[in-house]
Full PDB file with SEQRES, HELIX, SHEET, SSBOND, CRYST1, ORIGX, SCALE, CONECT and MASTER records, all heavy atoms in Angstrom:
SEQRES   1 A   41  VAL ARG THR GLU THR SER ILE GLY THR GLY ALA VAL SER          
SEQRES   2 A   41  ILE SER SER ALA ALA VAL GLU MET ALA GLN MET LYS VAL          
SEQRES   3 A   41  GLN ASN LEU ALA ALA CYS ARG VAL ALA ILE ILE GLY ALA          
SEQRES   4 A   41  GLY LYS                                                      
HELIX    1 AA1 ILE A   14  VAL A   26  1                                  13    
HELIX    2 AA2 LEU A   29  ALA A   31  5                                   3    
CRYST1    1.000    1.000    1.000  90.00  90.00  90.00 P 1           1          
ORIGX1      1.000000  0.000000  0.000000        0.00000                         
ORIGX2      0.000000  1.000000  0.000000        0.00000                         
ORIGX3      0.000000  0.000000  1.000000        0.00000                         
SCALE1      1.000000  0.000000  0.000000        0.00000                         
SCALE2      0.000000  1.000000  0.000000        0.00000                         
SCALE3      0.000000  0.000000  1.000000        0.00000                         
ATOM      1  N   VAL A   1      95.178  13.071  60.287  1.00  0.00           N  
ATOM      2  CA  VAL A   1      94.000  12.798  61.136  1.00  0.00           C  
ATOM      3  C   VAL A   1      94.143  11.441  61.824  1.00  0.00           C  
ATOM      4  O   VAL A   1      93.801  11.282  62.995  1.00  0.00           O  
ATOM      5  CB  VAL A   1      92.705  12.863  60.295  1.00  0.00           C  
ATOM      6  CG1 VAL A   1      91.534  12.256  61.056  1.00  0.00           C  
ATOM      7  CG2 VAL A   1      92.394  14.309  59.922  1.00  0.00           C  
ATOM      8  N   ARG A   2      94.706  10.462  61.105  1.00  0.00           N  
ATOM      9  CA  ARG A   2      94.834   9.122  61.699  1.00  0.00           C  
ATOM     10  C   ARG A   2      95.983   9.018  62.685  1.00  0.00           C  
ATOM     11  O   ARG A   2      95.936   8.190  63.584  1.00  0.00           O  
ATOM     12  CB  ARG A   2      94.974   8.079  60.576  1.00  0.00           C  
ATOM     13  CG  ARG A   2      93.629   7.794  59.931  1.00  0.00           C  
ATOM     14  CD  ARG A   2      93.751   7.061  58.592  1.00  0.00           C  
ATOM     15  NE  ARG A   2      92.430   6.770  58.056  1.00  0.00           N  
ATOM     16  CZ  ARG A   2      91.660   7.632  57.428  1.00  0.00           C  
ATOM     17  NH1 ARG A   2      92.086   8.865  57.241  1.00  0.00           N  
ATOM     18  NH2 ARG A   2      90.465   7.280  56.986  1.00  0.00           N  
ATOM     19  N   THR A   3      97.020   9.852  62.513  1.00  0.00           N  
ATOM     20  CA  THR A   3      98.158   9.774  63.442  1.00  0.00           C  
ATOM     21  C   THR A   3      98.012  10.752  64.609  1.00  0.00           C  
ATOM     22  O   THR A   3      98.515  10.471  65.695  1.00  0.00           O  
ATOM     23  CB  THR A   3      99.490  10.060  62.714  1.00  0.00           C  
ATOM     24  OG1 THR A   3      99.408  11.326  62.046  1.00  0.00           O  
ATOM     25  CG2 THR A   3      99.793   8.982  61.695  1.00  0.00           C  
ATOM     26  N   GLU A   4      97.325  11.860  64.399  1.00  0.00           N  
ATOM     27  CA  GLU A   4      97.234  12.880  65.447  1.00  0.00           C  
ATOM     28  C   GLU A   4      95.927  12.820  66.233  1.00  0.00           C  
ATOM     29  O   GLU A   4      95.744  13.568  67.195  1.00  0.00           O  
ATOM     30  CB  GLU A   4      97.431  14.272  64.837  1.00  0.00           C  
ATOM     31  CG  GLU A   4      98.826  14.456  64.242  1.00  0.00           C  
ATOM     32  CD  GLU A   4      99.028  15.822  63.592  1.00  0.00           C  
ATOM     33  OE1 GLU A   4      98.488  16.807  64.137  1.00  0.00           O  
ATOM     34  OE2 GLU A   4      99.718  15.889  62.556  1.00  0.00           O  
ATOM     35  N   THR A   5      94.981  11.971  65.806  1.00  0.00           N  
ATOM     36  CA  THR A   5      93.764  11.721  66.590  1.00  0.00           C  
ATOM     37  C   THR A   5      93.582  10.201  66.673  1.00  0.00           C  
ATOM     38  O   THR A   5      94.288   9.446  66.033  1.00  0.00           O  
ATOM     39  CB  THR A   5      92.501  12.339  65.954  1.00  0.00           C  
ATOM     40  OG1 THR A   5      92.086  11.526  64.842  1.00  0.00           O  
ATOM     41  CG2 THR A   5      92.731  13.758  65.476  1.00  0.00           C  
ATOM     42  N   SER A   6      92.611   9.776  67.478  1.00  0.00           N  
ATOM     43  CA  SER A   6      92.340   8.331  67.622  1.00  0.00           C  
ATOM     44  C   SER A   6      91.039   7.948  66.929  1.00  0.00           C  
ATOM     45  O   SER A   6      90.359   7.006  67.343  1.00  0.00           O  
ATOM     46  CB  SER A   6      92.271   7.975  69.112  1.00  0.00           C  
ATOM     47  OG  SER A   6      93.443   8.351  69.769  1.00  0.00           O  
ATOM     48  N   ILE A   7      90.694   8.686  65.863  1.00  0.00           N  
ATOM     49  CA  ILE A   7      89.378   8.496  65.247  1.00  0.00           C  
ATOM     50  C   ILE A   7      89.170   7.102  64.664  1.00  0.00           C  
ATOM     51  O   ILE A   7      88.048   6.620  64.579  1.00  0.00           O  
ATOM     52  CB  ILE A   7      89.113   9.573  64.167  1.00  0.00           C  
ATOM     53  CG1 ILE A   7      87.632   9.613  63.819  1.00  0.00           C  
ATOM     54  CG2 ILE A   7      89.978   9.333  62.934  1.00  0.00           C  
ATOM     55  CD1 ILE A   7      87.203  10.820  63.039  1.00  0.00           C  
ATOM     56  N   GLY A   8      90.244   6.414  64.276  1.00  0.00           N  
ATOM     57  CA  GLY A   8      90.088   5.097  63.659  1.00  0.00           C  
ATOM     58  C   GLY A   8      90.018   3.948  64.642  1.00  0.00           C  
ATOM     59  O   GLY A   8      89.883   2.797  64.242  1.00  0.00           O  
ATOM     60  N   THR A   9      90.096   4.247  65.938  1.00  0.00           N  
ATOM     61  CA  THR A   9      90.105   3.168  66.928  1.00  0.00           C  
ATOM     62  C   THR A   9      88.728   2.967  67.532  1.00  0.00           C  
ATOM     63  O   THR A   9      87.897   3.869  67.533  1.00  0.00           O  
ATOM     64  CB  THR A   9      91.103   3.466  68.057  1.00  0.00           C  
ATOM     65  OG1 THR A   9      90.707   4.685  68.701  1.00  0.00           O  
ATOM     66  CG2 THR A   9      92.505   3.624  67.514  1.00  0.00           C  
ATOM     67  N   GLY A  10      88.495   1.782  68.056  1.00  0.00           N  
ATOM     68  CA  GLY A  10      87.220   1.488  68.716  1.00  0.00           C  
ATOM     69  C   GLY A  10      86.198   0.917  67.756  1.00  0.00           C  
ATOM     70  O   GLY A  10      85.939   1.470  66.698  1.00  0.00           O  
ATOM     71  N   ALA A  11      85.618  -0.223  68.139  1.00  0.00           N  
ATOM     72  CA  ALA A  11      84.639  -0.903  67.278  1.00  0.00           C  
ATOM     73  C   ALA A  11      83.369  -0.087  67.135  1.00  0.00           C  
ATOM     74  O   ALA A  11      82.870   0.467  68.109  1.00  0.00           O  
ATOM     75  CB  ALA A  11      84.314  -2.265  67.878  1.00  0.00           C  
ATOM     76  N   VAL A  12      82.846  -0.021  65.904  1.00  0.00           N  
ATOM     77  CA  VAL A  12      81.629   0.762  65.668  1.00  0.00           C  
ATOM     78  C   VAL A  12      80.549  -0.066  64.982  1.00  0.00           C  
ATOM     79  O   VAL A  12      79.614   0.470  64.405  1.00  0.00           O  
ATOM     80  CB  VAL A  12      81.936   2.042  64.851  1.00  0.00           C  
ATOM     81  CG1 VAL A  12      82.655   3.060  65.711  1.00  0.00           C  
ATOM     82  CG2 VAL A  12      82.729   1.725  63.606  1.00  0.00           C  
ATOM     83  N   SER A  13      80.673  -1.386  65.017  1.00  0.00           N  
ATOM     84  CA  SER A  13      79.592  -2.272  64.565  1.00  0.00           C  
ATOM     85  C   SER A  13      79.490  -3.394  65.582  1.00  0.00           C  
ATOM     86  O   SER A  13      80.433  -3.645  66.341  1.00  0.00           O  
ATOM     87  CB  SER A  13      79.884  -2.847  63.168  1.00  0.00           C  
ATOM     88  OG  SER A  13      80.954  -3.772  63.240  1.00  0.00           O  
ATOM     89  N   ILE A  14      78.348  -4.082  65.601  1.00  0.00           N  
ATOM     90  CA  ILE A  14      78.146  -5.161  66.580  1.00  0.00           C  
ATOM     91  C   ILE A  14      79.188  -6.267  66.383  1.00  0.00           C  
ATOM     92  O   ILE A  14      79.766  -6.772  67.354  1.00  0.00           O  
ATOM     93  CB  ILE A  14      76.720  -5.742  66.469  1.00  0.00           C  
ATOM     94  CG1 ILE A  14      75.687  -4.692  66.911  1.00  0.00           C  
ATOM     95  CG2 ILE A  14      76.578  -7.005  67.296  1.00  0.00           C  
ATOM     96  CD1 ILE A  14      75.777  -4.281  68.359  1.00  0.00           C  
ATOM     97  N   SER A  15      79.453  -6.615  65.121  1.00  0.00           N  
ATOM     98  CA  SER A  15      80.419  -7.694  64.864  1.00  0.00           C  
ATOM     99  C   SER A  15      81.830  -7.292  65.295  1.00  0.00           C  
ATOM    100  O   SER A  15      82.552  -8.082  65.913  1.00  0.00           O  
ATOM    101  CB  SER A  15      80.396  -8.094  63.390  1.00  0.00           C  
ATOM    102  OG  SER A  15      80.613  -6.969  62.574  1.00  0.00           O  
ATOM    103  N   SER A  16      82.245  -6.053  64.966  1.00  0.00           N  
ATOM    104  CA  SER A  16      83.587  -5.626  65.368  1.00  0.00           C  
ATOM    105  C   SER A  16      83.675  -5.467  66.885  1.00  0.00           C  
ATOM    106  O   SER A  16      84.723  -5.742  67.486  1.00  0.00           O  
ATOM    107  CB  SER A  16      83.991  -4.323  64.667  1.00  0.00           C  
ATOM    108  OG  SER A  16      83.099  -3.278  64.963  1.00  0.00           O  
ATOM    109  N   ALA A  17      82.566  -5.040  67.527  1.00  0.00           N  
ATOM    110  CA  ALA A  17      82.547  -4.916  68.987  1.00  0.00           C  
ATOM    111  C   ALA A  17      82.692  -6.283  69.649  1.00  0.00           C  
ATOM    112  O   ALA A  17      83.372  -6.427  70.668  1.00  0.00           O  
ATOM    113  CB  ALA A  17      81.251  -4.244  69.443  1.00  0.00           C  
ATOM    114  N   ALA A  18      82.058  -7.315  69.070  1.00  0.00           N  
ATOM    115  CA  ALA A  18      82.165  -8.671  69.617  1.00  0.00           C  
ATOM    116  C   ALA A  18      83.614  -9.145  69.577  1.00  0.00           C  
ATOM    117  O   ALA A  18      84.133  -9.709  70.551  1.00  0.00           O  
ATOM    118  CB  ALA A  18      81.270  -9.627  68.834  1.00  0.00           C  
ATOM    119  N   VAL A  19      84.284  -8.918  68.453  1.00  0.00           N  
ATOM    120  CA  VAL A  19      85.683  -9.345  68.321  1.00  0.00           C  
ATOM    121  C   VAL A  19      86.581  -8.519  69.231  1.00  0.00           C  
ATOM    122  O   VAL A  19      87.497  -9.047  69.870  1.00  0.00           O  
ATOM    123  CB  VAL A  19      86.145  -9.242  66.851  1.00  0.00           C  
ATOM    124  CG1 VAL A  19      87.632  -9.541  66.722  1.00  0.00           C  
ATOM    125  CG2 VAL A  19      85.329 -10.190  65.977  1.00  0.00           C  
ATOM    126  N   GLU A  20      86.307  -7.207  69.323  1.00  0.00           N  
ATOM    127  CA  GLU A  20      87.115  -6.352  70.195  1.00  0.00           C  
ATOM    128  C   GLU A  20      86.981  -6.784  71.654  1.00  0.00           C  
ATOM    129  O   GLU A  20      87.974  -6.856  72.387  1.00  0.00           O  
ATOM    130  CB  GLU A  20      86.685  -4.892  70.038  1.00  0.00           C  
ATOM    131  CG  GLU A  20      87.580  -3.921  70.794  1.00  0.00           C  
ATOM    132  CD  GLU A  20      87.227  -2.476  70.545  1.00  0.00           C  
ATOM    133  OE1 GLU A  20      87.594  -1.943  69.492  1.00  0.00           O  
ATOM    134  OE2 GLU A  20      86.561  -1.877  71.410  1.00  0.00           O  
ATOM    135  N   MET A  21      85.747  -7.090  72.060  1.00  0.00           N  
ATOM    136  CA  MET A  21      85.532  -7.533  73.436  1.00  0.00           C  
ATOM    137  C   MET A  21      86.233  -8.869  73.689  1.00  0.00           C  
ATOM    138  O   MET A  21      86.839  -9.081  74.739  1.00  0.00           O  
ATOM    139  CB  MET A  21      84.032  -7.651  73.740  1.00  0.00           C  
ATOM    140  CG  MET A  21      83.746  -7.943  75.215  1.00  0.00           C  
ATOM    141  SD  MET A  21      81.982  -8.035  75.585  1.00  0.00           S  
ATOM    142  CE  MET A  21      81.580  -6.306  75.712  1.00  0.00           C  
ATOM    143  N   ALA A  22      86.162  -9.772  72.711  1.00  0.00           N  
ATOM    144  CA  ALA A  22      86.835 -11.070  72.847  1.00  0.00           C  
ATOM    145  C   ALA A  22      88.337 -10.867  73.022  1.00  0.00           C  
ATOM    146  O   ALA A  22      88.964 -11.498  73.884  1.00  0.00           O  
ATOM    147  CB  ALA A  22      86.552 -11.932  71.624  1.00  0.00           C  
ATOM    148  N   GLN A  23      88.908  -9.969  72.239  1.00  0.00           N  
ATOM    149  CA  GLN A  23      90.340  -9.715  72.325  1.00  0.00           C  
ATOM    150  C   GLN A  23      90.720  -9.145  73.690  1.00  0.00           C  
ATOM    151  O   GLN A  23      91.767  -9.497  74.254  1.00  0.00           O  
ATOM    152  CB  GLN A  23      90.768  -8.756  71.209  1.00  0.00           C  
ATOM    153  CG  GLN A  23      92.280  -8.590  71.111  1.00  0.00           C  
ATOM    154  CD  GLN A  23      92.681  -7.640  69.994  1.00  0.00           C  
ATOM    155  OE1 GLN A  23      92.017  -6.640  69.764  1.00  0.00           O  
ATOM    156  NE2 GLN A  23      93.762  -7.959  69.305  1.00  0.00           N  
ATOM    157  N   MET A  24      89.868  -8.282  74.226  1.00  0.00           N  
ATOM    158  CA  MET A  24      90.124  -7.713  75.548  1.00  0.00           C  
ATOM    159  C   MET A  24      90.106  -8.801  76.627  1.00  0.00           C  
ATOM    160  O   MET A  24      90.891  -8.774  77.569  1.00  0.00           O  
ATOM    161  CB  MET A  24      89.071  -6.647  75.874  1.00  0.00           C  
ATOM    162  CG  MET A  24      89.226  -5.355  75.091  1.00  0.00           C  
ATOM    163  SD  MET A  24      87.757  -4.300  75.181  1.00  0.00           S  
ATOM    164  CE  MET A  24      87.515  -4.155  76.947  1.00  0.00           C  
ATOM    165  N   LYS A  25      89.229  -9.777  76.457  1.00  0.00           N  
ATOM    166  CA  LYS A  25      89.055 -10.816  77.480  1.00  0.00           C  
ATOM    167  C   LYS A  25      90.180 -11.852  77.448  1.00  0.00           C  
ATOM    168  O   LYS A  25      90.593 -12.363  78.480  1.00  0.00           O  
ATOM    169  CB  LYS A  25      87.712 -11.536  77.302  1.00  0.00           C  
ATOM    170  CG  LYS A  25      86.479 -10.632  77.397  1.00  0.00           C  
ATOM    171  CD  LYS A  25      86.221 -10.208  78.823  1.00  0.00           C  
ATOM    172  CE  LYS A  25      84.946  -9.372  78.927  1.00  0.00           C  
ATOM    173  NZ  LYS A  25      84.755  -8.856  80.297  1.00  0.00           N  
ATOM    174  N   VAL A  26      90.665 -12.194  76.242  1.00  0.00           N  
ATOM    175  CA  VAL A  26      91.622 -13.309  76.141  1.00  0.00           C  
ATOM    176  C   VAL A  26      93.050 -12.849  75.826  1.00  0.00           C  
ATOM    177  O   VAL A  26      93.973 -13.653  75.897  1.00  0.00           O  
ATOM    178  CB  VAL A  26      91.182 -14.331  75.072  1.00  0.00           C  
ATOM    179  CG1 VAL A  26      89.817 -14.888  75.391  1.00  0.00           C  
ATOM    180  CG2 VAL A  26      91.209 -13.725  73.670  1.00  0.00           C  
ATOM    181  N   GLN A  27      93.245 -11.602  75.448  1.00  0.00           N  
ATOM    182  CA  GLN A  27      94.553 -11.037  75.115  1.00  0.00           C  
ATOM    183  C   GLN A  27      95.121 -11.562  73.791  1.00  0.00           C  
ATOM    184  O   GLN A  27      95.509 -10.796  72.935  1.00  0.00           O  
ATOM    185  CB  GLN A  27      95.568 -11.292  76.245  1.00  0.00           C  
ATOM    186  CG  GLN A  27      95.152 -10.736  77.600  1.00  0.00           C  
ATOM    187  CD  GLN A  27      94.919  -9.229  77.586  1.00  0.00           C  
ATOM    188  OE1 GLN A  27      95.669  -8.508  76.962  1.00  0.00           O  
ATOM    189  NE2 GLN A  27      93.854  -8.770  78.234  1.00  0.00           N  
ATOM    190  N   ASN A  28      95.162 -12.884  73.606  1.00  0.00           N  
ATOM    191  CA  ASN A  28      95.812 -13.450  72.420  1.00  0.00           C  
ATOM    192  C   ASN A  28      94.834 -14.317  71.622  1.00  0.00           C  
ATOM    193  O   ASN A  28      94.675 -15.503  71.895  1.00  0.00           O  
ATOM    194  CB  ASN A  28      97.034 -14.276  72.846  1.00  0.00           C  
ATOM    195  CG  ASN A  28      97.804 -14.816  71.641  1.00  0.00           C  
ATOM    196  OD1 ASN A  28      97.562 -14.402  70.507  1.00  0.00           O  
ATOM    197  ND2 ASN A  28      98.703 -15.742  71.893  1.00  0.00           N  
ATOM    198  N   LEU A  29      94.212 -13.718  70.612  1.00  0.00           N  
ATOM    199  CA  LEU A  29      93.231 -14.461  69.808  1.00  0.00           C  
ATOM    200  C   LEU A  29      93.873 -15.571  68.990  1.00  0.00           C  
ATOM    201  O   LEU A  29      93.228 -16.584  68.696  1.00  0.00           O  
ATOM    202  CB  LEU A  29      92.498 -13.494  68.864  1.00  0.00           C  
ATOM    203  CG  LEU A  29      91.323 -12.705  69.439  1.00  0.00           C  
ATOM    204  CD1 LEU A  29      90.815 -11.701  68.420  1.00  0.00           C  
ATOM    205  CD2 LEU A  29      90.199 -13.616  69.873  1.00  0.00           C  
ATOM    206  N   ALA A  30      95.119 -15.394  68.627  1.00  0.00           N  
ATOM    207  CA  ALA A  30      95.795 -16.398  67.799  1.00  0.00           C  
ATOM    208  C   ALA A  30      95.874 -17.754  68.496  1.00  0.00           C  
ATOM    209  O   ALA A  30      95.926 -18.798  67.840  1.00  0.00           O  
ATOM    210  CB  ALA A  30      97.194 -15.911  67.437  1.00  0.00           C  
ATOM    211  N   ALA A  31      95.870 -17.734  69.832  1.00  0.00           N  
ATOM    212  CA  ALA A  31      95.989 -18.991  70.589  1.00  0.00           C  
ATOM    213  C   ALA A  31      94.634 -19.631  70.881  1.00  0.00           C  
ATOM    214  O   ALA A  31      94.575 -20.720  71.463  1.00  0.00           O  
ATOM    215  CB  ALA A  31      96.732 -18.718  71.893  1.00  0.00           C  
ATOM    216  N   CYS A  32      93.544 -18.963  70.473  1.00  0.00           N  
ATOM    217  CA  CYS A  32      92.194 -19.444  70.813  1.00  0.00           C  
ATOM    218  C   CYS A  32      91.595 -20.304  69.704  1.00  0.00           C  
ATOM    219  O   CYS A  32      91.811 -20.056  68.521  1.00  0.00           O  
ATOM    220  CB  CYS A  32      91.267 -18.254  71.081  1.00  0.00           C  
ATOM    221  SG  CYS A  32      91.685 -17.330  72.560  1.00  0.00           S  
ATOM    222  N   ARG A  33      90.808 -21.287  70.135  1.00  0.00           N  
ATOM    223  CA  ARG A  33      89.998 -22.078  69.201  1.00  0.00           C  
ATOM    224  C   ARG A  33      88.650 -21.370  69.079  1.00  0.00           C  
ATOM    225  O   ARG A  33      87.937 -21.211  70.071  1.00  0.00           O  
ATOM    226  CB  ARG A  33      89.831 -23.498  69.728  1.00  0.00           C  
ATOM    227  CG  ARG A  33      91.156 -24.258  69.877  1.00  0.00           C  
ATOM    228  CD  ARG A  33      90.987 -25.501  70.739  1.00  0.00           C  
ATOM    229  NE  ARG A  33      90.587 -25.158  72.098  1.00  0.00           N  
ATOM    230  CZ  ARG A  33      90.294 -26.063  73.050  1.00  0.00           C  
ATOM    231  NH1 ARG A  33      90.362 -27.361  72.782  1.00  0.00           N  
ATOM    232  NH2 ARG A  33      89.944 -25.671  74.252  1.00  0.00           N  
ATOM    233  N   VAL A  34      88.320 -20.926  67.875  1.00  0.00           N  
ATOM    234  CA  VAL A  34      87.129 -20.087  67.664  1.00  0.00           C  
ATOM    235  C   VAL A  34      86.099 -20.837  66.819  1.00  0.00           C  
ATOM    236  O   VAL A  34      86.459 -21.509  65.837  1.00  0.00           O  
ATOM    237  CB  VAL A  34      87.508 -18.768  66.943  1.00  0.00           C  
ATOM    238  CG1 VAL A  34      86.270 -17.900  66.714  1.00  0.00           C  
ATOM    239  CG2 VAL A  34      88.579 -18.013  67.728  1.00  0.00           C  
ATOM    240  N   ALA A  35      84.826 -20.726  67.212  1.00  0.00           N  
ATOM    241  CA  ALA A  35      83.722 -21.285  66.412  1.00  0.00           C  
ATOM    242  C   ALA A  35      82.729 -20.178  66.096  1.00  0.00           C  
ATOM    243  O   ALA A  35      82.423 -19.344  66.952  1.00  0.00           O  
ATOM    244  CB  ALA A  35      83.028 -22.410  67.159  1.00  0.00           C  
ATOM    245  N   ILE A  36      82.269 -20.153  64.834  1.00  0.00           N  
ATOM    246  CA  ILE A  36      81.216 -19.204  64.424  1.00  0.00           C  
ATOM    247  C   ILE A  36      80.030 -20.024  63.956  1.00  0.00           C  
ATOM    248  O   ILE A  36      80.168 -20.853  63.039  1.00  0.00           O  
ATOM    249  CB  ILE A  36      81.700 -18.277  63.294  1.00  0.00           C  
ATOM    250  CG1 ILE A  36      82.892 -17.434  63.754  1.00  0.00           C  
ATOM    251  CG2 ILE A  36      80.567 -17.377  62.816  1.00  0.00           C  
ATOM    252  CD1 ILE A  36      83.521 -16.589  62.650  1.00  0.00           C  
ATOM    253  N   ILE A  37      78.885 -19.789  64.567  1.00  0.00           N  
ATOM    254  CA  ILE A  37      77.660 -20.509  64.179  1.00  0.00           C  
ATOM    255  C   ILE A  37      76.838 -19.576  63.296  1.00  0.00           C  
ATOM    256  O   ILE A  37      76.384 -18.517  63.741  1.00  0.00           O  
ATOM    257  CB  ILE A  37      76.862 -20.961  65.419  1.00  0.00           C  
ATOM    258  CG1 ILE A  37      77.752 -21.831  66.315  1.00  0.00           C  
ATOM    259  CG2 ILE A  37      75.609 -21.718  65.009  1.00  0.00           C  
ATOM    260  CD1 ILE A  37      77.130 -22.186  67.647  1.00  0.00           C  
ATOM    261  N   GLY A  38      76.681 -19.965  62.029  1.00  0.00           N  
ATOM    262  CA  GLY A  38      76.018 -19.118  61.041  1.00  0.00           C  
ATOM    263  C   GLY A  38      77.003 -18.755  59.947  1.00  0.00           C  
ATOM    264  O   GLY A  38      78.222 -18.746  60.169  1.00  0.00           O  
ATOM    265  N   ALA A  39      76.489 -18.460  58.751  1.00  0.00           N  
ATOM    266  CA  ALA A  39      77.376 -18.131  57.626  1.00  0.00           C  
ATOM    267  C   ALA A  39      76.826 -16.967  56.801  1.00  0.00           C  
ATOM    268  O   ALA A  39      77.091 -16.863  55.605  1.00  0.00           O  
ATOM    269  CB  ALA A  39      77.575 -19.364  56.740  1.00  0.00           C  
ATOM    270  N   GLY A  40      76.075 -16.078  57.450  1.00  0.00           N  
ATOM    271  CA  GLY A  40      75.507 -14.922  56.751  1.00  0.00           C  
ATOM    272  C   GLY A  40      76.444 -13.722  56.771  1.00  0.00           C  
ATOM    273  O   GLY A  40      77.654 -13.855  57.018  1.00  0.00           O  
ATOM    274  N   LYS A  41      75.880 -12.534  56.526  1.00  0.00           N  
ATOM    275  CA  LYS A  41      76.676 -11.304  56.421  1.00  0.00           C  
ATOM    276  C   LYS A  41      77.427 -11.011  57.722  1.00  0.00           C  
ATOM    277  O   LYS A  41      78.612 -10.660  57.708  1.00  0.00           O  
ATOM    278  CB  LYS A  41      75.759 -10.131  56.062  1.00  0.00           C  
ATOM    279  CG  LYS A  41      76.498  -8.812  55.922  1.00  0.00           C  
ATOM    280  CD  LYS A  41      75.545  -7.663  55.641  1.00  0.00           C  
ATOM    281  CE  LYS A  41      76.300  -6.340  55.604  1.00  0.00           C  
ATOM    282  NZ  LYS A  41      75.409  -5.185  55.431  1.00  0.00           N  
TER     283      LYS A  41                                                      
MASTER        0    0    0    2    0    0    0    6  282    1    0    4          
END                                                                             
């Protein structure tokens, strides 16, 4: 199912969508300086 379909791809939570969108915008997250404001769930 994971190799023959794409069911595991695409963000399905707000937090994962935020990171996915960031990755789309900057291409290389490893080179970015990142700040997170807040320390909750």
